[in-house]
Amino acid sequence: MGVVAVNLLQFVSLVVMVLVTTPTLAQKDWSETLPYKDMVKEMKVTKLHFYFHDTVTGDNPTSVTVVPAPNNQSSTMFGSVGIIDDPLTQGPELTSKAVGRAQGIFGFAGLNETTLVMALSFVFTDGKFNGSTLSILTRDPIMEPIRQYPVVGGTGMFGFAHGIAYVRTYWFNATTGDGILEYNITVVHY
């Protein structure tokens, strides 16, 4: 009986050790995704269309380089960092109705292609969206004819915003670097 008791004790010890060291099915993972239904507010979809005027020349530039590229031989301006406060207008002419400002930071991030990384806030100043913002954080391969940027947030009328922006270069002066971009944004928000 002594041998059976020892083997039984070893077996029970082994079972306890396996149970203690093996995660159970009821144990939660480090993350959890749950269904979300907001019964208080209904989500809306808003489509926006405007023009972004980026001016690097003249007496009042709206885009300035604050850190020049450390390697002046770079054809992609890799390492250059800048700040913008660009006007947003209803039409492509700078004299058309102002709808807001694009404020943010950009850096040239491509070694082999002219690519930006941008963090932008669109601050709207017109109509029902006056005082509201949309935020974009993106990679911008500026030589592509149409680019897609994620809208990652918003404030005011654009609370809990998420969506997508399609951007194309409307006009660009290769000599000066001045340009106009056309934005088509679709966002879901409260």
Protein backbone atom coordinates (compact mmCIF):
# COMPACT_ATOMS: atom_id res chain seq x y z
CA MET A 1 0.00 0.00 0.00
CA GLY A 2 2.87 2.31 0.61
CA VAL A 3 3.93 2.25 -3.06
CA VAL A 4 0.38 2.86 -4.29
CA ALA A 5 -0.02 5.79 -1.87
CA VAL A 6 3.25 7.34 -3.09
CA ASN A 7 2.28 6.89 -6.76
CA LEU A 8 -1.17 8.32 -6.03
CA LEU A 9 0.42 11.28 -4.25
CA GLN A 10 2.77 11.85 -7.20
CA PHE A 11 -0.14 11.61 -9.63
CA VAL A 12 -2.26 14.11 -7.64
CA SER A 13 0.72 16.47 -7.38
CA LEU A 14 1.24 16.27 -11.15
CA VAL A 15 -2.45 16.97 -11.85
CA VAL A 16 -2.45 19.97 -9.47
CA MET A 17 0.71 21.35 -11.07
CA VAL A 18 -0.74 21.03 -14.59
CA LEU A 19 -4.00 22.71 -13.54
CA VAL A 20 -2.20 25.58 -11.81
CA THR A 21 0.21 26.30 -14.67
CA THR A 22 -2.25 25.88 -17.56
CA PRO A 23 -4.42 28.91 -18.38
CA THR A 24 -8.08 28.17 -18.02
CA LEU A 25 -10.66 28.95 -20.66
CA ALA A 26 -12.28 31.45 -18.32
CA GLN A 27 -9.06 33.50 -18.00
CA LYS A 28 -9.26 36.79 -19.96
CA ASP A 29 -6.73 37.75 -22.57
CA TRP A 30 -4.91 41.11 -22.42
CA SER A 31 -7.57 42.63 -24.68
CA GLU A 32 -11.25 42.34 -25.27
CA THR A 33 -13.53 43.65 -28.01
CA LEU A 34 -17.18 44.08 -27.15
CA PRO A 35 -20.17 45.11 -29.22
CA TYR A 36 -20.96 48.79 -28.88
CA LYS A 37 -24.42 50.25 -29.20
CA ASP A 38 -25.07 53.81 -28.20
CA MET A 39 -28.75 54.22 -27.61
CA VAL A 40 -28.42 57.89 -26.67
CA LYS A 41 -26.89 59.42 -29.80
CA GLU A 42 -27.06 58.41 -33.40
CA MET A 43 -23.93 58.52 -35.55
CA LYS A 44 -23.90 60.76 -38.63
CA VAL A 45 -21.88 60.80 -41.84
CA THR A 46 -20.54 64.13 -43.09
CA LYS A 47 -18.84 64.74 -46.43
CA LEU A 48 -16.53 67.73 -46.78
CA HIS A 49 -14.91 69.21 -49.87
CA PHE A 50 -12.40 72.06 -49.67
CA TYR A 51 -9.02 73.30 -50.91
CA PHE A 52 -5.80 73.53 -48.90
CA HIS A 53 -3.39 76.36 -49.87
CA ASP A 54 0.26 75.67 -49.00
CA THR A 55 2.47 78.73 -49.55
CA VAL A 56 6.21 78.51 -48.88
CA THR A 57 7.24 81.72 -50.67
CA GLY A 58 6.52 85.43 -50.35
CA ASP A 59 6.20 87.77 -47.40
CA ASN A 60 3.63 85.64 -45.54
CA PRO A 61 4.42 81.96 -46.02
CA THR A 62 1.95 79.52 -44.44
CA SER A 63 4.44 76.65 -44.47
CA VAL A 64 7.94 77.02 -43.04
CA THR A 65 10.86 74.67 -42.61
CA VAL A 66 12.00 74.70 -38.98
CA VAL A 67 14.66 71.98 -39.31
CA PRO A 68 16.44 71.76 -42.66
CA ALA A 69 17.52 68.39 -43.99
CA PRO A 70 20.86 67.51 -42.38
CA ASN A 71 22.12 66.11 -45.69
CA ASN A 72 21.78 68.84 -48.30
CA GLN A 73 22.53 66.23 -50.98
CA SER A 74 19.21 64.40 -50.35
CA SER A 75 16.92 64.55 -53.37
CA THR A 76 13.97 63.64 -51.10
CA MET A 77 14.71 66.30 -48.42
CA PHE A 78 14.93 63.42 -45.91
CA GLY A 79 15.06 64.74 -42.35
CA SER A 80 13.56 68.18 -43.04
CA VAL A 81 10.77 69.20 -40.64
CA GLY A 82 8.22 71.98 -41.03
CA ILE A 83 5.15 73.64 -39.56
CA ILE A 84 2.03 74.78 -41.40
CA ASP A 85 -0.91 77.10 -40.82
CA ASP A 86 -2.55 76.87 -44.24
CA PRO A 87 -5.89 78.40 -45.25
CA LEU A 88 -8.76 76.11 -46.27
CA THR A 89 -11.20 77.51 -48.83
CA GLN A 90 -14.44 76.45 -50.45
CA GLY A 91 -13.03 76.81 -53.97
CA PRO A 92 -9.54 76.50 -55.46
CA GLU A 93 -8.96 80.27 -55.51
CA LEU A 94 -7.38 81.73 -52.38
CA THR A 95 -10.00 84.49 -52.58
CA SER A 96 -12.91 82.03 -52.32
CA LYS A 97 -14.83 81.62 -49.05
CA ALA A 98 -12.57 80.67 -46.11
CA VAL A 99 -13.77 77.56 -44.24
CA GLY A 100 -10.85 76.99 -41.86
CA ARG A 101 -7.14 76.43 -41.32
CA ALA A 102 -4.87 73.38 -41.51
CA GLN A 103 -2.40 73.53 -38.64
CA GLY A 104 0.26 70.95 -37.98
CA ILE A 105 3.70 69.51 -38.43
CA PHE A 106 5.30 67.52 -41.24
CA GLY A 107 8.59 65.77 -41.80
CA PHE A 108 10.20 64.38 -44.92
CA ALA A 109 10.50 60.70 -44.03
CA GLY A 110 11.46 58.91 -47.25
CA LEU A 111 15.05 57.98 -48.03
CA ASN A 112 14.30 56.95 -51.61
CA GLU A 113 11.02 58.75 -52.38
CA THR A 114 9.61 62.14 -51.47
CA THR A 115 7.29 61.13 -48.65
CA LEU A 116 5.98 63.10 -45.69
CA VAL A 117 4.74 62.06 -42.30
CA MET A 118 2.09 64.55 -41.15
CA ALA A 119 0.08 65.36 -38.05
CA LEU A 120 -2.62 67.88 -38.99
CA SER A 121 -5.63 69.48 -37.38
CA PHE A 122 -8.26 71.06 -39.59
CA VAL A 123 -9.76 73.92 -37.58
CA PHE A 124 -13.07 74.90 -39.15
CA THR A 125 -14.21 78.54 -38.95
CA ASP A 126 -17.39 78.60 -41.01
CA GLY A 127 -21.04 77.67 -40.51
CA LYS A 128 -22.21 74.91 -38.21
CA PHE A 129 -18.69 73.44 -37.97
CA ASN A 130 -17.16 76.69 -36.67
CA GLY A 131 -14.80 75.75 -33.81
CA SER A 132 -14.82 72.03 -34.62
CA THR A 133 -11.69 70.14 -35.66
CA LEU A 134 -10.66 66.99 -37.51
CA SER A 135 -7.29 65.32 -36.97
CA ILE A 136 -5.18 63.43 -39.49
CA LEU A 137 -2.05 61.40 -38.78
CA THR A 138 -0.61 59.92 -41.93
CA ARG A 139 2.14 59.05 -44.37
CA ASP A 140 1.88 61.17 -47.52
CA PRO A 141 3.57 59.91 -50.72
CA ILE A 142 3.21 63.36 -52.30
CA MET A 143 4.05 62.26 -55.85
CA GLU A 144 1.01 59.94 -56.02
CA PRO A 145 -1.90 61.48 -57.97
CA ILE A 146 -4.48 60.59 -55.28
CA ARG A 147 -3.61 59.89 -51.66
CA GLN A 148 -5.71 58.42 -48.88
CA TYR A 149 -5.34 59.72 -45.31
CA PRO A 150 -7.02 58.40 -42.17
CA VAL A 151 -9.11 60.80 -40.09
CA VAL A 152 -8.26 59.70 -36.55
CA GLY A 153 -10.37 62.02 -34.42
CA GLY A 154 -12.23 65.25 -33.99
CA THR A 155 -13.74 67.73 -31.58
CA GLY A 156 -16.89 69.83 -31.34
CA MET A 157 -19.42 68.75 -33.97
CA PHE A 158 -16.94 66.05 -34.97
CA GLY A 159 -16.81 64.27 -31.60
CA PHE A 160 -15.61 60.64 -31.93
CA ALA A 161 -14.89 61.25 -35.62
CA HIS A 162 -13.23 58.65 -37.77
CA GLY A 163 -13.07 58.48 -41.52
CA ILE A 164 -11.04 58.87 -44.65
CA ALA A 165 -9.69 61.76 -46.73
CA TYR A 166 -8.94 61.52 -50.42
CA VAL A 167 -6.41 64.13 -51.47
CA ARG A 168 -5.13 65.19 -54.85
CA THR A 169 -2.74 67.90 -55.92
CA TYR A 170 -4.86 70.50 -57.68
CA TRP A 171 -1.94 72.79 -58.57
CA PHE A 172 1.79 72.78 -57.81
CA ASN A 173 4.61 75.16 -58.76
CA ALA A 174 7.80 73.07 -58.91
CA THR A 175 9.97 76.20 -58.84
CA THR A 176 8.52 77.78 -55.69
CA GLY A 177 7.06 74.76 -53.90
CA ASP A 178 3.68 76.48 -53.51
CA GLY A 179 0.67 74.24 -54.02
CA ILE A 180 -3.06 73.72 -53.70
CA LEU A 181 -4.51 70.39 -52.58
CA GLU A 182 -8.10 69.27 -53.05
CA TYR A 183 -9.63 67.39 -50.10
CA ASN A 184 -12.67 65.11 -50.14
CA ILE A 185 -13.31 63.84 -46.60
CA THR A 186 -15.96 61.47 -45.33
CA VAL A 187 -16.29 61.14 -41.55
CA VAL A 188 -18.59 59.29 -39.18
CA HIS A 189 -19.23 61.22 -35.96
CA TYR A 190 -21.80 62.15 -33.30
